[in-house]
Amino acid sequence: MGAAELIAKFTIAPNASLEEAAQKIEDNKYGTVLVVEGGRVVGTVTDGDMRKALLRHRLAVIPIHEVMNTNFLSVAPGDKTAAKALFESRFYLRLVPEVDSEGILRGVIRRDEIR
């Protein structure tokens, strides 16, 4: 899978619906999508974030930016050591975005890639 395909598999626009995010999470099997606007990661949404939104009686058609986490974890592009440390210290993480100094998404590191 190429970098562009990999990034597309894990990203969604801020105005996408909760339902669209749920479908993308179902398709990617990692329980997370990265919310990207203009190439920059602006937040993350996990299956847990979606459950919390639904429990607060939020409709599945609301824009994802209303439930995304803007205080997300990321690593510098290619920094597999930092990614490994995050995966070891946070059991719930399944993927980590690789973000440059300007916030631009450059890749995605998946837990199952790190040994």
PDB file of N, CA and C in Angstrom:
ATOM      1  N   MET A   1       0.851  -1.176   0.000  1.00  0.00           N
ATOM      2  CA  MET A   1       0.000   0.000   0.000  1.00  0.00           C
ATOM      3  C   MET A   1       0.894   1.236   0.000  1.00  0.00           C
ATOM      4  N   GLY A   2       0.657   2.160  -0.932  1.00  0.00           N
ATOM      5  CA  GLY A   2       1.434   3.388  -1.025  1.00  0.00           C
ATOM      6  C   GLY A   2       1.091   4.362   0.082  1.00  0.00           C
ATOM      7  N   ALA A   3       1.936   5.378   0.242  1.00  0.00           N
ATOM      8  CA  ALA A   3       1.732   6.368   1.301  1.00  0.00           C
ATOM      9  C   ALA A   3       0.395   7.079   1.155  1.00  0.00           C
ATOM     10  N   ALA A   4       0.041   7.458  -0.072  1.00  0.00           N
ATOM     11  CA  ALA A   4      -1.229   8.163  -0.283  1.00  0.00           C
ATOM     12  C   ALA A   4      -2.421   7.274   0.057  1.00  0.00           C
ATOM     13  N   GLU A   5      -2.356   6.002  -0.308  1.00  0.00           N
ATOM     14  CA  GLU A   5      -3.449   5.071   0.018  1.00  0.00           C
ATOM     15  C   GLU A   5      -3.546   4.872   1.522  1.00  0.00           C
ATOM     16  N   LEU A   6      -2.370   4.749   2.170  1.00  0.00           N
ATOM     17  CA  LEU A   6      -2.339   4.559   3.619  1.00  0.00           C
ATOM     18  C   LEU A   6      -2.939   5.764   4.324  1.00  0.00           C
ATOM     19  N   ILE A   7      -2.537   6.954   3.903  1.00  0.00           N
ATOM     20  CA  ILE A   7      -3.068   8.173   4.525  1.00  0.00           C
ATOM     21  C   ILE A   7      -4.580   8.258   4.301  1.00  0.00           C
ATOM     22  N   ALA A   8      -5.045   7.975   3.099  1.00  0.00           N
ATOM     23  CA  ALA A   8      -6.483   8.033   2.810  1.00  0.00           C
ATOM     24  C   ALA A   8      -7.273   7.049   3.670  1.00  0.00           C
ATOM     25  N   LYS A   9      -6.678   5.907   3.963  1.00  0.00           N
ATOM     26  CA  LYS A   9      -7.351   4.876   4.769  1.00  0.00           C
ATOM     27  C   LYS A   9      -7.641   5.361   6.191  1.00  0.00           C
ATOM     28  N   PHE A  10      -6.814   6.274   6.699  1.00  0.00           N
ATOM     29  CA  PHE A  10      -6.907   6.694   8.090  1.00  0.00           C
ATOM     30  C   PHE A  10      -7.349   8.136   8.289  1.00  0.00           C
ATOM     31  N   THR A  11      -7.760   8.846   7.222  1.00  0.00           N
ATOM     32  CA  THR A  11      -8.103  10.258   7.373  1.00  0.00           C
ATOM     33  C   THR A  11      -9.537  10.547   6.955  1.00  0.00           C
ATOM     34  N   ILE A  12     -10.015  11.666   7.512  1.00  0.00           N
ATOM     35  CA  ILE A  12     -11.375  12.120   7.218  1.00  0.00           C
ATOM     36  C   ILE A  12     -11.395  13.640   7.367  1.00  0.00           C
ATOM     37  N   ALA A  13     -12.297  14.295   6.672  1.00  0.00           N
ATOM     38  CA  ALA A  13     -12.426  15.756   6.742  1.00  0.00           C
ATOM     39  C   ALA A  13     -13.211  16.166   7.983  1.00  0.00           C
ATOM     40  N   PRO A  14     -12.974  17.381   8.494  1.00  0.00           N
ATOM     41  CA  PRO A  14     -13.686  17.842   9.693  1.00  0.00           C
ATOM     42  C   PRO A  14     -15.191  17.950   9.518  1.00  0.00           C
ATOM     43  N   ASN A  15     -15.657  18.151   8.293  1.00  0.00           N
ATOM     44  CA  ASN A  15     -17.102  18.278   8.087  1.00  0.00           C
ATOM     45  C   ASN A  15     -17.775  16.947   7.765  1.00  0.00           C
ATOM     46  N   ALA A  16     -17.006  15.844   7.772  1.00  0.00           N
ATOM     47  CA  ALA A  16     -17.601  14.518   7.578  1.00  0.00           C
ATOM     48  C   ALA A  16     -18.507  14.196   8.767  1.00  0.00           C
ATOM     49  N   SER A  17     -19.468  13.345   8.555  1.00  0.00           N
ATOM     50  CA  SER A  17     -20.394  12.989   9.631  1.00  0.00           C
ATOM     51  C   SER A  17     -19.801  11.913  10.540  1.00  0.00           C
ATOM     52  N   LEU A  18     -20.383  11.802  11.705  1.00  0.00           N
ATOM     53  CA  LEU A  18     -20.016  10.751  12.644  1.00  0.00           C
ATOM     54  C   LEU A  18     -20.217   9.386  11.998  1.00  0.00           C
ATOM     55  N   GLU A  19     -21.266   9.268  11.207  1.00  0.00           N
ATOM     56  CA  GLU A  19     -21.538   8.025  10.499  1.00  0.00           C
ATOM     57  C   GLU A  19     -20.415   7.696   9.503  1.00  0.00           C
ATOM     58  N   GLU A  20     -19.932   8.701   8.786  1.00  0.00           N
ATOM     59  CA  GLU A  20     -18.828   8.483   7.843  1.00  0.00           C
ATOM     60  C   GLU A  20     -17.556   8.057   8.571  1.00  0.00           C
ATOM     61  N   ALA A  21     -17.299   8.682   9.727  1.00  0.00           N
ATOM     62  CA  ALA A  21     -16.127   8.306  10.525  1.00  0.00           C
ATOM     63  C   ALA A  21     -16.250   6.872  11.019  1.00  0.00           C
ATOM     64  N   ALA A  22     -17.449   6.493  11.438  1.00  0.00           N
ATOM     65  CA  ALA A  22     -17.672   5.125  11.906  1.00  0.00           C
ATOM     66  C   ALA A  22     -17.394   4.126  10.793  1.00  0.00           C
ATOM     67  N   GLN A  23     -17.812   4.448   9.582  1.00  0.00           N
ATOM     68  CA  GLN A  23     -17.569   3.554   8.455  1.00  0.00           C
ATOM     69  C   GLN A  23     -16.077   3.453   8.145  1.00  0.00           C
ATOM     70  N   LYS A  24     -15.373   4.576   8.198  1.00  0.00           N
ATOM     71  CA  LYS A  24     -13.936   4.563   7.922  1.00  0.00           C
ATOM     72  C   LYS A  24     -13.203   3.754   8.988  1.00  0.00           C
ATOM     73  N   ILE A  25     -13.607   3.896  10.256  1.00  0.00           N
ATOM     74  CA  ILE A  25     -13.002   3.118  11.339  1.00  0.00           C
ATOM     75  C   ILE A  25     -13.288   1.637  11.150  1.00  0.00           C
ATOM     76  N   GLU A  26     -14.490   1.316  10.747  1.00  0.00           N
ATOM     77  CA  GLU A  26     -14.842  -0.078  10.479  1.00  0.00           C
ATOM     78  C   GLU A  26     -13.969  -0.635   9.359  1.00  0.00           C
ATOM     79  N   ASP A  27     -13.763   0.157   8.326  1.00  0.00           N
ATOM     80  CA  ASP A  27     -12.976  -0.286   7.174  1.00  0.00           C
ATOM     81  C   ASP A  27     -11.488  -0.431   7.494  1.00  0.00           C
ATOM     82  N   ASN A  28     -10.942   0.505   8.304  1.00  0.00           N
ATOM     83  CA  ASN A  28      -9.487   0.453   8.540  1.00  0.00           C
ATOM     84  C   ASN A  28      -9.087  -0.485   9.674  1.00  0.00           C
ATOM     85  N   LYS A  29     -10.033  -0.876  10.518  1.00  0.00           N
ATOM     86  CA  LYS A  29      -9.807  -1.860  11.589  1.00  0.00           C
ATOM     87  C   LYS A  29      -8.834  -1.393  12.685  1.00  0.00           C
ATOM     88  N   TYR A  30      -8.585  -0.082  12.784  1.00  0.00           N
ATOM     89  CA  TYR A  30      -7.680   0.423  13.809  1.00  0.00           C
ATOM     90  C   TYR A  30      -8.376   1.277  14.865  1.00  0.00           C
ATOM     91  N   GLY A  31      -9.672   1.437  14.781  1.00  0.00           N
ATOM     92  CA  GLY A  31     -10.417   2.132  15.825  1.00  0.00           C
ATOM     93  C   GLY A  31     -10.191   3.625  15.887  1.00  0.00           C
ATOM     94  N   THR A  32      -9.544   4.189  14.869  1.00  0.00           N
ATOM     95  CA  THR A  32      -9.192   5.610  14.884  1.00  0.00           C
ATOM     96  C   THR A  32      -9.193   6.173  13.475  1.00  0.00           C
ATOM     97  N   VAL A  33      -9.591   7.437  13.350  1.00  0.00           N
ATOM     98  CA  VAL A  33      -9.380   8.201  12.132  1.00  0.00           C
ATOM     99  C   VAL A  33      -8.728   9.519  12.508  1.00  0.00           C
ATOM    100  N   LEU A  34      -7.931  10.031  11.604  1.00  0.00           N
ATOM    101  CA  LEU A  34      -7.272  11.317  11.786  1.00  0.00           C
ATOM    102  C   LEU A  34      -8.080  12.356  11.028  1.00  0.00           C
ATOM    103  N   VAL A  35      -8.420  13.443  11.705  1.00  0.00           N
ATOM    104  CA  VAL A  35      -9.194  14.505  11.080  1.00  0.00           C
ATOM    105  C   VAL A  35      -8.194  15.481  10.463  1.00  0.00           C
ATOM    106  N   VAL A  36      -8.263  15.621   9.128  1.00  0.00           N
ATOM    107  CA  VAL A  36      -7.272  16.400   8.392  1.00  0.00           C
ATOM    108  C   VAL A  36      -7.963  17.498   7.599  1.00  0.00           C
ATOM    109  N   GLU A  37      -7.409  18.707   7.720  1.00  0.00           N
ATOM    110  CA  GLU A  37      -7.919  19.863   6.983  1.00  0.00           C
ATOM    111  C   GLU A  37      -6.738  20.589   6.359  1.00  0.00           C
ATOM    112  N   GLY A  38      -6.744  20.750   5.056  1.00  0.00           N
ATOM    113  CA  GLY A  38      -5.643  21.417   4.372  1.00  0.00           C
ATOM    114  C   GLY A  38      -4.315  20.709   4.564  1.00  0.00           C
ATOM    115  N   GLY A  39      -4.357  19.386   4.693  1.00  0.00           N
ATOM    116  CA  GLY A  39      -3.142  18.602   4.892  1.00  0.00           C
ATOM    117  C   GLY A  39      -2.684  18.509   6.329  1.00  0.00           C
ATOM    118  N   ARG A  40      -3.248  19.314   7.215  1.00  0.00           N
ATOM    119  CA  ARG A  40      -2.848  19.339   8.624  1.00  0.00           C
ATOM    120  C   ARG A  40      -3.772  18.474   9.473  1.00  0.00           C
ATOM    121  N   VAL A  41      -3.192  17.766  10.413  1.00  0.00           N
ATOM    122  CA  VAL A  41      -3.992  16.996  11.364  1.00  0.00           C
ATOM    123  C   VAL A  41      -4.556  17.982  12.383  1.00  0.00           C
ATOM    124  N   VAL A  42      -5.869  18.033  12.495  1.00  0.00           N
ATOM    125  CA  VAL A  42      -6.515  18.949  13.432  1.00  0.00           C
ATOM    126  C   VAL A  42      -7.165  18.213  14.593  1.00  0.00           C
ATOM    127  N   GLY A  43      -7.198  16.885  14.515  1.00  0.00           N
ATOM    128  CA  GLY A  43      -7.784  16.110  15.599  1.00  0.00           C
ATOM    129  C   GLY A  43      -7.827  14.637  15.249  1.00  0.00           C
ATOM    130  N   THR A  44      -8.285  13.853  16.215  1.00  0.00           N
ATOM    131  CA  THR A  44      -8.479  12.426  16.018  1.00  0.00           C
ATOM    132  C   THR A  44      -9.860  12.048  16.531  1.00  0.00           C
ATOM    133  N   VAL A  45     -10.380  10.970  16.019  1.00  0.00           N
ATOM    134  CA  VAL A  45     -11.647  10.428  16.511  1.00  0.00           C
ATOM    135  C   VAL A  45     -11.467   8.921  16.647  1.00  0.00           C
ATOM    136  N   THR A  46     -11.784   8.416  17.827  1.00  0.00           N
ATOM    137  CA  THR A  46     -11.714   6.976  18.066  1.00  0.00           C
ATOM    138  C   THR A  46     -13.126   6.409  18.163  1.00  0.00           C
ATOM    139  N   ASP A  47     -13.194   5.099  18.144  1.00  0.00           N
ATOM    140  CA  ASP A  47     -14.510   4.485  18.322  1.00  0.00           C
ATOM    141  C   ASP A  47     -15.070   4.861  19.690  1.00  0.00           C
ATOM    142  N   GLY A  48     -14.214   5.053  20.671  1.00  0.00           N
ATOM    143  CA  GLY A  48     -14.658   5.487  22.001  1.00  0.00           C
ATOM    144  C   GLY A  48     -15.238   6.894  21.989  1.00  0.00           C
ATOM    145  N   ASP A  49     -14.612   7.802  21.236  1.00  0.00           N
ATOM    146  CA  ASP A  49     -15.152   9.163  21.112  1.00  0.00           C
ATOM    147  C   ASP A  49     -16.552   9.132  20.507  1.00  0.00           C
ATOM    148  N   MET A  50     -16.739   8.255  19.533  1.00  0.00           N
ATOM    149  CA  MET A  50     -18.051   8.156  18.890  1.00  0.00           C
ATOM    150  C   MET A  50     -19.100   7.595  19.848  1.00  0.00           C
ATOM    151  N   ARG A  51     -18.713   6.581  20.618  1.00  0.00           N
ATOM    152  CA  ARG A  51     -19.667   6.026  21.598  1.00  0.00           C
ATOM    153  C   ARG A  51     -20.069   7.098  22.603  1.00  0.00           C
ATOM    154  N   LYS A  52     -19.096   7.880  23.073  1.00  0.00           N
ATOM    155  CA  LYS A  52     -19.405   8.949  24.035  1.00  0.00           C
ATOM    156  C   LYS A  52     -20.357   9.966  23.424  1.00  0.00           C
ATOM    157  N   ALA A  53     -20.128  10.323  22.167  1.00  0.00           N
ATOM    158  CA  ALA A  53     -21.016  11.277  21.491  1.00  0.00           C
ATOM    159  C   ALA A  53     -22.423  10.722  21.390  1.00  0.00           C
ATOM    160  N   LEU A  54     -22.547   9.461  21.032  1.00  0.00           N
ATOM    161  CA  LEU A  54     -23.874   8.850  20.924  1.00  0.00           C
ATOM    162  C   LEU A  54     -24.561   8.766  22.279  1.00  0.00           C
ATOM    163  N   LEU A  55     -23.798   8.499  23.330  1.00  0.00           N
ATOM    164  CA  LEU A  55     -24.381   8.452  24.670  1.00  0.00           C
ATOM    165  C   LEU A  55     -24.857   9.834  25.120  1.00  0.00           C
ATOM    166  N   ARG A  56     -24.252  10.871  24.571  1.00  0.00           N
ATOM    167  CA  ARG A  56     -24.694  12.241  24.868  1.00  0.00           C
ATOM    168  C   ARG A  56     -25.815  12.652  23.913  1.00  0.00           C
ATOM    169  N   HIS A  57     -26.372  11.649  23.220  1.00  0.00           N
ATOM    170  CA  HIS A  57     -27.508  11.851  22.310  1.00  0.00           C
ATOM    171  C   HIS A  57     -27.152  12.734  21.122  1.00  0.00           C
ATOM    172  N   ARG A  58     -25.914  12.602  20.661  1.00  0.00           N
ATOM    173  CA  ARG A  58     -25.499  13.307  19.453  1.00  0.00           C
ATOM    174  C   ARG A  58     -25.913  12.451  18.263  1.00  0.00           C
ATOM    175  N   LEU A  59     -26.419  13.044  17.263  1.00  0.00           N
ATOM    176  CA  LEU A  59     -26.856  12.318  16.077  1.00  0.00           C
ATOM    177  C   LEU A  59     -25.668  11.882  15.235  1.00  0.00           C
ATOM    178  N   ALA A  60     -25.809  10.779  14.549  1.00  0.00           N
ATOM    179  CA  ALA A  60     -24.740  10.243  13.717  1.00  0.00           C
ATOM    180  C   ALA A  60     -24.427  11.142  12.519  1.00  0.00           C
ATOM    181  N   VAL A  61     -25.257  12.124  12.245  1.00  0.00           N
ATOM    182  CA  VAL A  61     -25.012  13.000  11.101  1.00  0.00           C
ATOM    183  C   VAL A  61     -24.320  14.307  11.480  1.00  0.00           C
ATOM    184  N   ILE A  62     -23.962  14.488  12.746  1.00  0.00           N
ATOM    185  CA  ILE A  62     -23.262  15.713  13.131  1.00  0.00           C
ATOM    186  C   ILE A  62     -21.854  15.706  12.535  1.00  0.00           C
ATOM    187  N   PRO A  63     -21.287  16.874  12.279  1.00  0.00           N
ATOM    188  CA  PRO A  63     -19.922  16.932  11.744  1.00  0.00           C
ATOM    189  C   PRO A  63     -18.921  16.375  12.764  1.00  0.00           C
ATOM    190  N   ILE A  64     -17.948  15.667  12.259  1.00  0.00           N
ATOM    191  CA  ILE A  64     -16.978  15.001  13.115  1.00  0.00           C
ATOM    192  C   ILE A  64     -16.166  15.993  13.953  1.00  0.00           C
ATOM    193  N   HIS A  65     -15.996  17.223  13.464  1.00  0.00           N
ATOM    194  CA  HIS A  65     -15.213  18.202  14.225  1.00  0.00           C
ATOM    195  C   HIS A  65     -15.853  18.531  15.573  1.00  0.00           C
ATOM    196  N   GLU A  66     -17.138  18.207  15.733  1.00  0.00           N
ATOM    197  CA  GLU A  66     -17.798  18.463  17.018  1.00  0.00           C
ATOM    198  C   GLU A  66     -17.446  17.424  18.087  1.00  0.00           C
ATOM    199  N   VAL A  67     -16.871  16.297  17.689  1.00  0.00           N
ATOM    200  CA  VAL A  67     -16.527  15.263  18.674  1.00  0.00           C
ATOM    201  C   VAL A  67     -15.047  14.876  18.644  1.00  0.00           C
ATOM    202  N   MET A  68     -14.258  15.478  17.743  1.00  0.00           N
ATOM    203  CA  MET A  68     -12.858  15.072  17.613  1.00  0.00           C
ATOM    204  C   MET A  68     -12.026  15.536  18.806  1.00  0.00           C
ATOM    205  N   ASN A  69     -10.930  14.835  19.027  1.00  0.00           N
ATOM    206  CA  ASN A  69      -9.958  15.159  20.062  1.00  0.00           C
ATOM    207  C   ASN A  69      -8.880  16.020  19.427  1.00  0.00           C
ATOM    208  N   THR A  70      -8.752  17.259  19.870  1.00  0.00           N
ATOM    209  CA  THR A  70      -7.730  18.149  19.315  1.00  0.00           C
ATOM    210  C   THR A  70      -6.417  18.063  20.082  1.00  0.00           C
ATOM    211  N   ASN A  71      -6.401  17.316  21.156  1.00  0.00           N
ATOM    212  CA  ASN A  71      -5.194  17.133  21.971  1.00  0.00           C
ATOM    213  C   ASN A  71      -4.644  15.727  21.716  1.00  0.00           C
ATOM    214  N   PHE A  72      -4.321  15.439  20.465  1.00  0.00           N
ATOM    215  CA  PHE A  72      -3.902  14.107  20.056  1.00  0.00           C
ATOM    216  C   PHE A  72      -2.388  13.950  20.145  1.00  0.00           C
ATOM    217  N   LEU A  73      -1.946  12.706  20.145  1.00  0.00           N
ATOM    218  CA  LEU A  73      -0.522  12.384  20.164  1.00  0.00           C
ATOM    219  C   LEU A  73      -0.037  12.167  18.741  1.00  0.00           C
ATOM    220  N   SER A  74       1.191  12.611  18.454  1.00  0.00           N
ATOM    221  CA  SER A  74       1.796  12.409  17.145  1.00  0.00           C
ATOM    222  C   SER A  74       3.299  12.294  17.315  1.00  0.00           C
ATOM    223  N   VAL A  75       3.958  11.882  16.244  1.00  0.00           N
ATOM    224  CA  VAL A  75       5.419  11.811  16.228  1.00  0.00           C
ATOM    225  C   VAL A  75       5.921  12.494  14.969  1.00  0.00           C
ATOM    226  N   ALA A  76       7.212  12.829  14.965  1.00  0.00           N
ATOM    227  CA  ALA A  76       7.842  13.405  13.784  1.00  0.00           C
ATOM    228  C   ALA A  76       7.931  12.325  12.706  1.00  0.00           C
ATOM    229  N   PRO A  77       7.910  12.718  11.449  1.00  0.00           N
ATOM    230  CA  PRO A  77       8.005  11.729  10.374  1.00  0.00           C
ATOM    231  C   PRO A  77       9.231  10.818  10.539  1.00  0.00           C
ATOM    232  N   GLY A  78       8.974   9.507  10.468  1.00  0.00           N
ATOM    233  CA  GLY A  78      10.044   8.513  10.555  1.00  0.00           C
ATOM    234  C   GLY A  78      10.523   8.180  11.954  1.00  0.00           C
ATOM    235  N   ASP A  79       9.953   8.800  12.985  1.00  0.00           N
ATOM    236  CA  ASP A  79      10.434   8.573  14.355  1.00  0.00           C
ATOM    237  C   ASP A  79       9.745   7.348  14.964  1.00  0.00           C
ATOM    238  N   LYS A  80      10.195   6.187  14.551  1.00  0.00           N
ATOM    239  CA  LYS A  80       9.605   4.931  15.035  1.00  0.00           C
ATOM    240  C   LYS A  80       9.939   4.687  16.509  1.00  0.00           C
ATOM    241  N   THR A  81      11.052   5.245  17.002  1.00  0.00           N
ATOM    242  CA  THR A  81      11.403   5.101  18.417  1.00  0.00           C
ATOM    243  C   THR A  81      10.358   5.792  19.287  1.00  0.00           C
ATOM    244  N   ALA A  82       9.978   7.011  18.918  1.00  0.00           N
ATOM    245  CA  ALA A  82       8.949   7.740  19.676  1.00  0.00           C
ATOM    246  C   ALA A  82       7.602   7.029  19.570  1.00  0.00           C
ATOM    247  N   ALA A  83       7.301   6.508  18.388  1.00  0.00           N
ATOM    248  CA  ALA A  83       6.043   5.778  18.199  1.00  0.00           C
ATOM    249  C   ALA A  83       6.016   4.542  19.082  1.00  0.00           C
ATOM    250  N   LYS A  84       7.121   3.813  19.127  1.00  0.00           N
ATOM    251  CA  LYS A  84       7.195   2.611  19.966  1.00  0.00           C
ATOM    252  C   LYS A  84       6.970   2.969  21.427  1.00  0.00           C
ATOM    253  N   ALA A  85       7.577   4.060  21.874  1.00  0.00           N
ATOM    254  CA  ALA A  85       7.408   4.502  23.268  1.00  0.00           C
ATOM    255  C   ALA A  85       5.940   4.838  23.552  1.00  0.00           C
ATOM    256  N   LEU A  86       5.274   5.497  22.609  1.00  0.00           N
ATOM    257  CA  LEU A  86       3.854   5.812  22.792  1.00  0.00           C
ATOM    258  C   LEU A  86       3.020   4.541  22.871  1.00  0.00           C
ATOM    259  N   PHE A  87       3.281   3.598  21.969  1.00  0.00           N
ATOM    260  CA  PHE A  87       2.522   2.349  21.978  1.00  0.00           C
ATOM    261  C   PHE A  87       2.748   1.567  23.271  1.00  0.00           C
ATOM    262  N   GLU A  88       3.972   1.605  23.791  1.00  0.00           N
ATOM    263  CA  GLU A  88       4.270   0.873  25.027  1.00  0.00           C
ATOM    264  C   GLU A  88       3.635   1.531  26.244  1.00  0.00           C
ATOM    265  N   SER A  89       3.506   2.841  26.231  1.00  0.00           N
ATOM    266  CA  SER A  89       2.968   3.539  27.404  1.00  0.00           C
ATOM    267  C   SER A  89       1.455   3.742  27.350  1.00  0.00           C
ATOM    268  N   ARG A  90       0.864   3.566  26.189  1.00  0.00           N
ATOM    269  CA  ARG A  90      -0.574   3.775  26.023  1.00  0.00           C
ATOM    270  C   ARG A  90      -1.168   2.601  25.269  1.00  0.00           C
ATOM    271  N   PHE A  91      -1.641   1.626  26.004  1.00  0.00           N
ATOM    272  CA  PHE A  91      -2.139   0.374  25.425  1.00  0.00           C
ATOM    273  C   PHE A  91      -3.273   0.584  24.434  1.00  0.00           C
ATOM    274  N   TYR A  92      -4.030   1.665  24.583  1.00  0.00           N
ATOM    275  CA  TYR A  92      -5.203   1.901  23.754  1.00  0.00           C
ATOM    276  C   TYR A  92      -4.871   2.435  22.359  1.00  0.00           C
ATOM    277  N   LEU A  93      -3.675   2.959  22.166  1.00  0.00           N
ATOM    278  CA  LEU A  93      -3.307   3.503  20.857  1.00  0.00           C
ATOM    279  C   LEU A  93      -3.133   2.389  19.841  1.00  0.00           C
ATOM    280  N   ARG A  94      -3.686   2.575  18.681  1.00  0.00           N
ATOM    281  CA  ARG A  94      -3.532   1.597  17.598  1.00  0.00           C
ATOM    282  C   ARG A  94      -2.761   2.181  16.427  1.00  0.00           C
ATOM    283  N   LEU A  95      -2.748   3.514  16.339  1.00  0.00           N
ATOM    284  CA  LEU A  95      -1.970   4.178  15.315  1.00  0.00           C
ATOM    285  C   LEU A  95      -1.582   5.567  15.785  1.00  0.00           C
ATOM    286  N   VAL A  96      -0.490   6.080  15.189  1.00  0.00           N
ATOM    287  CA  VAL A  96       0.012   7.404  15.540  1.00  0.00           C
ATOM    288  C   VAL A  96       0.314   8.144  14.235  1.00  0.00           C
ATOM    289  N   PRO A  97      -0.171   9.381  14.113  1.00  0.00           N
ATOM    290  CA  PRO A  97       0.151  10.137  12.911  1.00  0.00           C
ATOM    291  C   PRO A  97       1.584  10.657  12.949  1.00  0.00           C
ATOM    292  N   GLU A  98       2.219  10.657  11.777  1.00  0.00           N
ATOM    293  CA  GLU A  98       3.527  11.279  11.614  1.00  0.00           C
ATOM    294  C   GLU A  98       3.251  12.684  11.081  1.00  0.00           C
ATOM    295  N   VAL A  99       3.588  13.699  11.887  1.00  0.00           N
ATOM    296  CA  VAL A  99       3.239  15.077  11.575  1.00  0.00           C
ATOM    297  C   VAL A  99       4.514  15.918  11.596  1.00  0.00           C
ATOM    298  N   ASP A 100       4.697  16.742  10.556  1.00  0.00           N
ATOM    299  CA  ASP A 100       5.895  17.584  10.525  1.00  0.00           C
ATOM    300  C   ASP A 100       5.715  18.812  11.408  1.00  0.00           C
ATOM    301  N   SER A 101       6.721  19.680  11.447  1.00  0.00           N
ATOM    302  CA  SER A 101       6.708  20.842  12.340  1.00  0.00           C
ATOM    303  C   SER A 101       5.604  21.843  12.016  1.00  0.00           C
ATOM    304  N   GLU A 102       5.026  21.750  10.825  1.00  0.00           N
ATOM    305  CA  GLU A 102       3.925  22.645  10.455  1.00  0.00           C
ATOM    306  C   GLU A 102       2.555  21.982  10.623  1.00  0.00           C
ATOM    307  N   GLY A 103       2.548  20.771  11.186  1.00  0.00           N
ATOM    308  CA  GLY A 103       1.291  20.067  11.414  1.00  0.00           C
ATOM    309  C   GLY A 103       0.783  19.285  10.232  1.00  0.00           C
ATOM    310  N   ILE A 104       1.594  19.164   9.171  1.00  0.00           N
ATOM    311  CA  ILE A 104       1.183  18.451   7.971  1.00  0.00           C
ATOM    312  C   ILE A 104       1.349  16.951   8.180  1.00  0.00           C
ATOM    313  N   LEU A 105       0.317  16.191   7.859  1.00  0.00           N
ATOM    314  CA  LEU A 105       0.359  14.741   7.969  1.00  0.00           C
ATOM    315  C   LEU A 105       1.294  14.182   6.906  1.00  0.00           C
ATOM    316  N   ARG A 106       2.298  13.417   7.347  1.00  0.00           N
ATOM    317  CA  ARG A 106       3.279  12.834   6.432  1.00  0.00           C
ATOM    318  C   ARG A 106       3.187  11.316   6.358  1.00  0.00           C
ATOM    319  N   GLY A 107       2.504  10.710   7.319  1.00  0.00           N
ATOM    320  CA  GLY A 107       2.359   9.263   7.326  1.00  0.00           C
ATOM    321  C   GLY A 107       1.611   8.804   8.552  1.00  0.00           C
ATOM    322  N   VAL A 108       1.462   7.503   8.654  1.00  0.00           N
ATOM    323  CA  VAL A 108       0.763   6.884   9.772  1.00  0.00           C
ATOM    324  C   VAL A 108       1.585   5.682  10.211  1.00  0.00           C
ATOM    325  N   ILE A 109       1.861   5.583  11.507  1.00  0.00           N
ATOM    326  CA  ILE A 109       2.549   4.410  12.040  1.00  0.00           C
ATOM    327  C   ILE A 109       1.519   3.595  12.805  1.00  0.00           C
ATOM    328  N   ARG A 110       1.382   2.336  12.412  1.00  0.00           N
ATOM    329  CA  ARG A 110       0.423   1.446  13.048  1.00  0.00           C
ATOM    330  C   ARG A 110       1.117   0.590  14.104  1.00  0.00           C
ATOM    331  N   ARG A 111       0.401   0.283  15.162  1.00  0.00           N
ATOM    332  CA  ARG A 111       0.960  -0.524  16.266  1.00  0.00           C
ATOM    333  C   ARG A 111       1.560  -1.811  15.741  1.00  0.00           C
ATOM    334  N   ASP A 112       0.900  -2.478  14.828  1.00  0.00           N
ATOM    335  CA  ASP A 112       1.381  -3.767  14.358  1.00  0.00           C
ATOM    336  C   ASP A 112       2.639  -3.679  13.480  1.00  0.00           C
ATOM    337  N   GLU A 113       3.051  -2.458  13.139  1.00  0.00           N
ATOM    338  CA  GLU A 113       4.296  -2.254  12.405  1.00  0.00           C
ATOM    339  C   GLU A 113       5.505  -2.225  13.344  1.00  0.00           C
ATOM    340  N   ILE A 114       5.266  -1.898  14.592  1.00  0.00           N
ATOM    341  CA  ILE A 114       6.338  -1.712  15.573  1.00  0.00           C
ATOM    342  C   ILE A 114       6.519  -2.993  16.362  1.00  0.00           C
ATOM    343  N   ARG A 115       7.714  -3.482  16.373  1.00  0.00           N
ATOM    344  CA  ARG A 115       8.009  -4.710  17.111  1.00  0.00           C
ATOM    345  C   ARG A 115       8.706  -4.383  18.405  1.00  0.00           C
TER     346      ARG A 115
END
